[in-house]
Amino acid sequence: MPHLVIRGVSIEEMKRISKPLVGELAEICECGTDNFTFEVPHSTFVFDGEEIPAFPLIEVKWFERGQETRDRFAQSVTKYIMSTGVDEVEVVFIPFSEPAYYINGERVGD
């Protein structure tokens, strides 16, 4: 279920890297590739009254999997995003609580 919200990367670049990226992330998380969702919203960045170029900011919304998995996941995402030619990538994890997560009205965890 990791859901990645990817800002500052073009949809064309994400299409190019999505398949190998999701394959590597599935190995890291020990789950199927069908568990992943990539969202690439259009974002306009503004600073000091001017539109500025976006920088890659990746939000990872998921159920916590521990520090080692989080480190490997962030390194993998960073590697693939940097392959698009950017100099810096920021990755932030937003953990979900299983008791606060519902699928079709049913709570996932206790």
Protein backbone atom coordinates (compact mmCIF):
# COMPACT_ATOMS: atom_id res chain seq x y z
CA MET A 1 0.00 0.00 0.00
CA PRO A 2 2.73 2.57 -0.15
CA HIS A 3 1.34 5.63 -1.89
CA LEU A 4 3.98 8.00 -3.27
CA VAL A 5 3.08 11.60 -4.07
CA ILE A 6 5.80 12.87 -6.39
CA ARG A 7 6.26 16.59 -6.93
CA GLY A 8 8.91 18.27 -9.05
CA VAL A 9 9.29 15.38 -11.51
CA SER A 10 7.56 15.34 -14.88
CA ILE A 11 4.96 12.72 -15.68
CA GLU A 12 7.11 11.58 -18.62
CA GLU A 13 10.12 11.00 -16.36
CA MET A 14 7.93 9.12 -13.86
CA LYS A 15 6.58 6.91 -16.63
CA ARG A 16 10.15 6.11 -17.65
CA ILE A 17 11.35 5.15 -14.16
CA SER A 18 8.13 3.79 -12.62
CA LYS A 19 8.45 0.14 -13.60
CA PRO A 20 12.02 -0.47 -12.37
CA LEU A 21 11.40 1.72 -9.32
CA VAL A 22 8.29 -0.14 -8.22
CA GLY A 23 10.08 -3.46 -8.78
CA GLU A 24 12.89 -2.45 -6.45
CA LEU A 25 10.52 -0.98 -3.85
CA ALA A 26 8.44 -4.17 -3.84
CA GLU A 27 11.58 -6.17 -3.07
CA ILE A 28 12.50 -3.80 -0.25
CA CYS A 29 8.98 -3.96 1.25
CA GLU A 30 8.59 -7.69 0.54
CA CYS A 31 5.25 -7.18 -1.17
CA GLY A 32 3.74 -7.27 -4.64
CA THR A 33 4.19 -4.49 -7.16
CA ASP A 34 0.42 -4.02 -7.25
CA ASN A 35 0.57 -2.57 -3.72
CA PHE A 36 2.11 0.70 -4.94
CA THR A 37 0.49 3.87 -6.20
CA PHE A 38 2.39 6.78 -7.74
CA GLU A 39 0.61 10.12 -7.85
CA VAL A 40 2.16 12.95 -9.86
CA PRO A 41 0.10 16.09 -9.19
CA HIS A 42 0.69 19.31 -11.04
CA SER A 43 2.36 21.66 -8.58
CA THR A 44 3.30 25.30 -9.04
CA PHE A 45 5.96 26.57 -6.69
CA VAL A 46 6.01 30.26 -5.79
CA PHE A 47 8.62 32.24 -3.87
CA ASP A 48 8.90 35.98 -3.35
CA GLY A 49 6.07 36.72 -5.75
CA GLU A 50 7.54 34.65 -8.59
CA GLU A 51 6.91 31.21 -10.00
CA ILE A 52 10.03 29.11 -9.43
CA PRO A 53 11.15 25.69 -10.68
CA ALA A 54 9.84 22.81 -8.61
CA PHE A 55 12.24 20.60 -6.69
CA PRO A 56 11.65 16.88 -6.17
CA LEU A 57 9.71 16.31 -2.98
CA ILE A 58 8.46 12.78 -2.51
CA GLU A 59 5.86 11.98 0.15
CA VAL A 60 5.62 8.30 1.08
CA LYS A 61 2.34 7.43 2.79
CA TRP A 62 2.50 3.93 4.22
CA PHE A 63 2.26 1.61 7.20
CA GLU A 64 5.54 1.86 9.11
CA ARG A 65 8.07 -0.86 8.25
CA GLY A 66 11.04 0.11 10.44
CA GLN A 67 14.16 2.22 10.09
CA GLU A 68 16.17 -0.17 7.91
CA THR A 69 13.35 -0.55 5.39
CA ARG A 70 12.68 3.19 5.46
CA ASP A 71 16.38 3.92 4.78
CA ARG A 72 16.54 1.46 1.87
CA PHE A 73 13.25 2.76 0.45
CA ALA A 74 14.44 6.39 0.58
CA GLN A 75 17.77 5.45 -1.05
CA SER A 76 15.99 3.65 -3.87
CA VAL A 77 13.55 6.49 -4.52
CA THR A 78 16.42 8.99 -4.44
CA LYS A 79 18.50 6.94 -6.90
CA TYR A 80 15.70 6.73 -9.47
CA ILE A 81 14.58 10.34 -9.12
CA MET A 82 18.19 11.55 -9.44
CA SER A 83 18.50 9.53 -12.64
CA THR A 84 16.15 12.14 -14.18
CA GLY A 85 18.95 14.70 -13.89
CA VAL A 86 18.08 16.53 -10.68
CA ASP A 87 20.70 17.42 -8.08
CA GLU A 88 18.67 16.98 -4.89
CA VAL A 89 15.73 14.88 -3.77
CA GLU A 90 13.78 15.14 -0.53
CA VAL A 91 11.80 12.15 0.74
CA VAL A 92 9.39 12.36 3.66
CA PHE A 93 7.52 9.44 5.22
CA ILE A 94 3.99 9.86 6.50
CA PRO A 95 3.05 6.74 8.46
CA PHE A 96 -0.54 5.57 8.67
CA SER A 97 -1.98 4.02 11.80
CA GLU A 98 -3.69 0.71 11.04
CA PRO A 99 -6.55 1.32 13.51
CA ALA A 100 -7.21 4.67 11.78
CA TYR A 101 -7.16 3.21 8.24
CA TYR A 102 -10.33 1.82 6.69
CA ILE A 103 -10.99 -0.14 3.51
CA ASN A 104 -14.62 -0.23 2.41
CA GLY A 105 -15.68 0.94 5.85
CA GLU A 106 -13.76 -1.78 7.69
CA ARG A 107 -10.89 -0.93 10.01
CA VAL A 108 -7.60 -2.50 8.89
CA GLY A 109 -6.00 -3.01 12.32
CA ASP A 110 -6.90 -3.31 15.98
